[in-house]
N, C-alpha and C. Protein backbone atom coordinates (compact mmCIF):
# COMPACT_ATOMS: atom_id res chain seq x y z
N MET A 1 11.57 15.27 -2.82
CA MET A 1 12.59 14.37 -3.28
C MET A 1 12.43 14.23 -4.79
N ASP A 2 13.54 14.26 -5.52
CA ASP A 2 13.54 14.05 -6.95
C ASP A 2 13.91 12.61 -7.27
N VAL A 3 13.18 12.00 -8.18
CA VAL A 3 13.39 10.60 -8.57
C VAL A 3 13.50 10.54 -10.08
N ILE A 4 14.41 9.72 -10.57
CA ILE A 4 14.60 9.52 -12.00
C ILE A 4 13.81 8.28 -12.42
N LEU A 5 13.13 8.35 -13.56
CA LEU A 5 12.38 7.20 -14.07
C LEU A 5 13.32 6.01 -14.17
N GLY A 6 12.89 4.86 -13.63
CA GLY A 6 13.71 3.66 -13.61
C GLY A 6 14.45 3.46 -12.30
N GLN A 7 14.44 4.45 -11.44
CA GLN A 7 15.16 4.38 -10.17
C GLN A 7 14.40 3.54 -9.15
N THR A 8 15.14 2.79 -8.33
CA THR A 8 14.56 2.07 -7.20
C THR A 8 14.68 2.96 -5.97
N VAL A 9 13.59 3.13 -5.26
CA VAL A 9 13.52 4.03 -4.11
C VAL A 9 13.25 3.21 -2.85
N THR A 10 13.95 3.53 -1.77
CA THR A 10 13.68 2.93 -0.46
C THR A 10 13.38 4.06 0.51
N ILE A 11 12.26 3.95 1.21
CA ILE A 11 11.84 4.96 2.18
C ILE A 11 11.75 4.29 3.55
N ASP A 12 12.37 4.89 4.54
CA ASP A 12 12.30 4.42 5.92
C ASP A 12 11.27 5.23 6.68
N PHE A 13 10.59 4.59 7.62
CA PHE A 13 9.69 5.30 8.52
C PHE A 13 9.58 4.52 9.82
N THR A 14 9.15 5.20 10.87
CA THR A 14 9.01 4.57 12.18
C THR A 14 7.57 4.66 12.64
N THR A 15 7.21 3.75 13.55
CA THR A 15 5.87 3.75 14.14
C THR A 15 6.00 3.85 15.65
N HIS A 16 5.00 4.47 16.26
CA HIS A 16 5.03 4.75 17.69
C HIS A 16 3.73 4.34 18.36
N ASN A 17 3.82 3.98 19.61
CA ASN A 17 2.63 3.68 20.39
C ASN A 17 1.92 5.01 20.65
N PRO A 18 0.66 5.15 20.23
CA PRO A 18 -0.05 6.42 20.39
C PRO A 18 -0.35 6.76 21.85
N LEU A 19 -0.29 5.78 22.73
CA LEU A 19 -0.59 6.04 24.15
C LEU A 19 0.64 6.48 24.93
N THR A 20 1.84 5.99 24.53
CA THR A 20 3.05 6.29 25.28
C THR A 20 4.05 7.14 24.49
N GLY A 21 3.93 7.14 23.16
CA GLY A 21 4.88 7.85 22.32
C GLY A 21 6.14 7.05 22.03
N GLN A 22 6.30 5.89 22.65
CA GLN A 22 7.48 5.07 22.43
C GLN A 22 7.46 4.44 21.04
N VAL A 23 8.66 4.27 20.49
CA VAL A 23 8.77 3.54 19.23
C VAL A 23 8.26 2.12 19.47
N SER A 24 7.37 1.66 18.61
CA SER A 24 6.75 0.35 18.79
C SER A 24 6.50 -0.31 17.45
N ASP A 25 6.51 -1.65 17.46
CA ASP A 25 6.15 -2.40 16.26
C ASP A 25 4.65 -2.28 16.01
N CYS A 26 4.28 -2.42 14.74
CA CYS A 26 2.87 -2.42 14.36
C CYS A 26 2.24 -3.76 14.75
N ASP A 27 0.92 -3.73 14.88
CA ASP A 27 0.18 -4.97 15.15
C ASP A 27 0.29 -5.92 13.96
N PHE A 28 0.39 -5.38 12.75
CA PHE A 28 0.62 -6.12 11.51
C PHE A 28 1.29 -5.15 10.56
N LEU A 29 1.82 -5.63 9.44
CA LEU A 29 2.58 -4.76 8.54
C LEU A 29 1.75 -3.56 8.07
N PRO A 30 2.38 -2.38 8.01
CA PRO A 30 1.69 -1.19 7.50
C PRO A 30 1.28 -1.37 6.04
N VAL A 31 0.24 -0.67 5.65
CA VAL A 31 -0.23 -0.65 4.26
C VAL A 31 0.34 0.62 3.62
N ILE A 32 0.95 0.47 2.45
CA ILE A 32 1.54 1.59 1.73
C ILE A 32 0.76 1.82 0.44
N GLN A 33 0.48 3.09 0.14
CA GLN A 33 -0.20 3.46 -1.10
C GLN A 33 0.54 4.64 -1.71
N ILE A 34 0.71 4.62 -3.04
CA ILE A 34 1.33 5.74 -3.73
C ILE A 34 0.31 6.35 -4.68
N PHE A 35 0.07 7.65 -4.48
CA PHE A 35 -0.93 8.39 -5.25
C PHE A 35 -0.25 9.40 -6.17
N GLU A 36 -0.76 9.52 -7.40
CA GLU A 36 -0.26 10.51 -8.35
C GLU A 36 -1.12 11.77 -8.28
N ASP A 37 -0.46 12.92 -8.11
CA ASP A 37 -1.13 14.22 -8.11
C ASP A 37 -2.47 14.18 -7.38
N THR A 38 -3.55 14.47 -8.09
CA THR A 38 -4.88 14.52 -7.47
C THR A 38 -5.68 13.25 -7.69
N THR A 39 -5.05 12.20 -8.19
CA THR A 39 -5.74 10.93 -8.41
C THR A 39 -6.06 10.28 -7.07
N ASP A 40 -7.28 9.80 -6.91
CA ASP A 40 -7.73 9.24 -5.63
C ASP A 40 -7.55 7.73 -5.52
N VAL A 41 -7.06 7.10 -6.56
CA VAL A 41 -6.82 5.66 -6.53
C VAL A 41 -5.30 5.47 -6.57
N PRO A 42 -4.75 4.67 -5.65
CA PRO A 42 -3.29 4.48 -5.67
C PRO A 42 -2.82 3.82 -6.96
N ILE A 43 -1.66 4.27 -7.46
CA ILE A 43 -1.13 3.63 -8.68
C ILE A 43 -0.44 2.33 -8.33
N ILE A 44 0.17 2.24 -7.13
CA ILE A 44 0.72 0.98 -6.65
C ILE A 44 0.57 0.91 -5.13
N THR A 45 0.64 -0.30 -4.61
CA THR A 45 0.59 -0.52 -3.16
C THR A 45 1.74 -1.45 -2.78
N PRO A 46 2.97 -0.90 -2.71
CA PRO A 46 4.12 -1.74 -2.39
C PRO A 46 4.05 -2.25 -0.95
N THR A 47 4.79 -3.30 -0.67
CA THR A 47 4.77 -3.93 0.64
C THR A 47 5.86 -3.36 1.54
N ALA A 48 5.48 -2.98 2.75
CA ALA A 48 6.45 -2.54 3.76
C ALA A 48 7.01 -3.76 4.48
N VAL A 49 8.25 -3.65 4.92
CA VAL A 49 8.86 -4.71 5.72
C VAL A 49 9.51 -4.10 6.96
N ARG A 50 9.56 -4.87 8.03
CA ARG A 50 10.20 -4.42 9.26
C ARG A 50 11.69 -4.67 9.15
N ARG A 51 12.48 -3.69 9.55
CA ARG A 51 13.93 -3.88 9.58
C ARG A 51 14.27 -4.83 10.71
N LEU A 52 15.12 -5.81 10.44
CA LEU A 52 15.48 -6.81 11.44
C LEU A 52 16.09 -6.17 12.67
N ALA A 53 15.66 -6.63 13.84
CA ALA A 53 16.19 -6.20 15.14
C ALA A 53 16.03 -4.70 15.39
N GLN A 54 15.10 -4.05 14.68
CA GLN A 54 14.86 -2.62 14.87
C GLN A 54 13.39 -2.41 15.23
N ILE A 55 13.12 -2.15 16.46
CA ILE A 55 11.74 -1.97 16.91
C ILE A 55 11.12 -0.75 16.22
N GLY A 56 9.96 -0.96 15.63
CA GLY A 56 9.19 0.12 15.01
C GLY A 56 9.82 0.75 13.79
N ASP A 57 10.80 0.11 13.19
CA ASP A 57 11.49 0.67 12.03
C ASP A 57 11.12 -0.16 10.80
N TYR A 58 10.52 0.51 9.82
CA TYR A 58 10.03 -0.15 8.61
C TYR A 58 10.63 0.51 7.38
N ARG A 59 10.60 -0.21 6.27
CA ARG A 59 11.04 0.35 4.99
C ARG A 59 10.11 -0.16 3.90
N VAL A 60 10.02 0.63 2.85
CA VAL A 60 9.28 0.22 1.67
C VAL A 60 10.16 0.54 0.47
N THR A 61 10.26 -0.42 -0.44
CA THR A 61 11.10 -0.27 -1.64
C THR A 61 10.23 -0.49 -2.87
N PHE A 62 10.41 0.38 -3.86
CA PHE A 62 9.66 0.25 -5.11
C PHE A 62 10.48 0.86 -6.24
N THR A 63 10.19 0.44 -7.46
CA THR A 63 10.87 0.97 -8.64
C THR A 63 9.90 1.85 -9.41
N VAL A 64 10.38 3.01 -9.81
CA VAL A 64 9.56 4.00 -10.52
C VAL A 64 9.72 3.76 -12.02
N THR A 65 8.71 3.12 -12.62
CA THR A 65 8.75 2.83 -14.05
C THR A 65 7.45 3.27 -14.72
N ALA A 66 7.54 3.54 -16.01
CA ALA A 66 6.35 3.91 -16.78
C ALA A 66 5.36 2.74 -16.80
N ALA A 67 5.86 1.52 -16.82
CA ALA A 67 4.99 0.35 -16.86
C ALA A 67 4.11 0.25 -15.62
N LEU A 68 4.58 0.80 -14.50
CA LEU A 68 3.79 0.78 -13.26
C LEU A 68 2.85 1.98 -13.15
N GLY A 69 2.92 2.90 -14.12
CA GLY A 69 1.98 4.01 -14.13
C GLY A 69 2.56 5.37 -13.78
N TYR A 70 3.87 5.47 -13.62
CA TYR A 70 4.48 6.78 -13.33
C TYR A 70 4.59 7.58 -14.61
N HIS A 71 4.39 8.91 -14.51
CA HIS A 71 4.37 9.78 -15.67
C HIS A 71 5.24 11.01 -15.46
N LYS A 72 5.77 11.54 -16.56
CA LYS A 72 6.49 12.81 -16.52
C LYS A 72 5.54 13.91 -16.06
N ASN A 73 6.10 14.96 -15.49
CA ASN A 73 5.33 16.12 -15.04
C ASN A 73 4.31 15.79 -13.97
N SER A 74 4.58 14.78 -13.18
CA SER A 74 3.68 14.39 -12.10
C SER A 74 4.42 14.36 -10.78
N SER A 75 3.66 14.53 -9.72
CA SER A 75 4.22 14.38 -8.37
C SER A 75 3.45 13.27 -7.68
N TYR A 76 4.06 12.71 -6.64
CA TYR A 76 3.51 11.53 -5.99
C TYR A 76 3.60 11.67 -4.47
N ASN A 77 2.61 11.12 -3.77
CA ASN A 77 2.59 11.05 -2.32
C ASN A 77 2.60 9.59 -1.90
N VAL A 78 3.48 9.27 -0.94
CA VAL A 78 3.55 7.91 -0.39
C VAL A 78 2.89 7.96 0.98
N ILE A 79 1.79 7.22 1.13
CA ILE A 79 0.98 7.23 2.35
C ILE A 79 1.10 5.88 3.05
N ALA A 80 1.33 5.93 4.37
CA ALA A 80 1.39 4.70 5.17
C ALA A 80 0.23 4.69 6.15
N THR A 81 -0.41 3.53 6.29
CA THR A 81 -1.44 3.30 7.30
C THR A 81 -0.93 2.20 8.21
N ALA A 82 -0.86 2.50 9.51
CA ALA A 82 -0.30 1.54 10.46
C ALA A 82 -1.17 1.47 11.71
N THR A 83 -1.24 0.27 12.29
CA THR A 83 -1.99 0.06 13.52
C THR A 83 -1.01 -0.37 14.61
N VAL A 84 -0.98 0.39 15.70
CA VAL A 84 -0.13 0.09 16.85
C VAL A 84 -1.01 0.12 18.09
N ALA A 85 -0.93 -0.92 18.90
CA ALA A 85 -1.73 -1.03 20.13
C ALA A 85 -3.22 -0.88 19.84
N GLY A 86 -3.65 -1.40 18.68
CA GLY A 86 -5.06 -1.37 18.32
C GLY A 86 -5.55 -0.05 17.77
N ILE A 87 -4.67 0.94 17.63
CA ILE A 87 -5.07 2.26 17.13
C ILE A 87 -4.43 2.46 15.76
N THR A 88 -5.25 2.82 14.77
CA THR A 88 -4.78 3.01 13.40
C THR A 88 -4.51 4.47 13.13
N ALA A 89 -3.38 4.74 12.49
CA ALA A 89 -3.01 6.10 12.08
C ALA A 89 -2.57 6.07 10.63
N LYS A 90 -2.66 7.22 9.97
CA LYS A 90 -2.29 7.33 8.56
C LYS A 90 -1.54 8.63 8.37
N GLY A 91 -0.51 8.60 7.50
CA GLY A 91 0.21 9.82 7.21
C GLY A 91 1.08 9.69 5.98
N ARG A 92 1.45 10.84 5.43
CA ARG A 92 2.36 10.87 4.29
C ARG A 92 3.77 10.66 4.81
N ILE A 93 4.49 9.67 4.26
CA ILE A 93 5.86 9.41 4.69
C ILE A 93 6.88 9.97 3.71
N GLN A 94 6.43 10.32 2.50
CA GLN A 94 7.34 10.90 1.51
C GLN A 94 6.52 11.44 0.35
N ASP A 95 7.07 12.43 -0.33
CA ASP A 95 6.53 12.85 -1.62
C ASP A 95 7.71 12.96 -2.57
N PHE A 96 7.43 12.81 -3.86
CA PHE A 96 8.50 12.92 -4.84
C PHE A 96 7.96 13.37 -6.19
N SER A 97 8.88 13.87 -7.01
CA SER A 97 8.59 14.28 -8.38
C SER A 97 9.54 13.56 -9.31
N LEU A 98 9.10 13.31 -10.55
CA LEU A 98 9.98 12.70 -11.55
C LEU A 98 10.87 13.77 -12.17
N VAL A 99 12.14 13.46 -12.34
CA VAL A 99 13.09 14.35 -13.00
C VAL A 99 13.88 13.53 -14.00
N THR A 100 14.58 14.22 -14.90
CA THR A 100 15.46 13.55 -15.85
C THR A 100 16.86 14.07 -15.62
N GLN A 101 17.85 13.25 -15.85
CA GLN A 101 19.23 13.65 -15.61
C GLN A 101 19.94 13.83 -16.95
N GLN A 102 20.55 15.00 -17.14
CA GLN A 102 21.27 15.27 -18.38
C GLN A 102 22.57 16.02 -18.05
N SER A 103 23.66 15.59 -18.60
CA SER A 103 24.96 16.26 -18.45
C SER A 103 25.31 16.57 -17.02
N GLY A 104 25.03 15.67 -16.12
CA GLY A 104 25.41 15.85 -14.72
C GLY A 104 24.49 16.78 -13.94
N ALA A 105 23.52 17.38 -14.57
CA ALA A 105 22.58 18.26 -13.89
C ALA A 105 21.21 17.59 -13.87
N VAL A 106 20.38 17.97 -12.93
CA VAL A 106 19.04 17.41 -12.83
C VAL A 106 18.04 18.48 -13.27
N PHE A 107 17.17 18.14 -14.20
CA PHE A 107 16.16 19.05 -14.71
C PHE A 107 14.78 18.44 -14.48
N THR A 108 13.82 19.23 -14.07
CA THR A 108 12.47 18.76 -13.91
C THR A 108 11.84 18.58 -15.30
N VAL A 109 11.12 17.46 -15.47
CA VAL A 109 10.47 17.21 -16.76
C VAL A 109 8.97 17.27 -16.62
């Protein structure tokens, strides 16, 4: 996914009961971490929220700004850690790169 500096991003993801495979709510809100390239410390940890009346459906929204630590020529991984039925799982829910928009075309910076 390409993201422009200053853009607000919303990512949806679902959680499932590991014993049955059914879509299920988490025991508590998932933890979200965003990592830059090979950096092992997250640059931000935005808060996930459950979509109203949607079992096991969550979203995380964040704004990509230089003040928060995003840089040109970098890529990012969004990792979610969730516990369902007492079992914790972790996975990448999205990755993105910063791009700049010029004259209606998108160019990687």
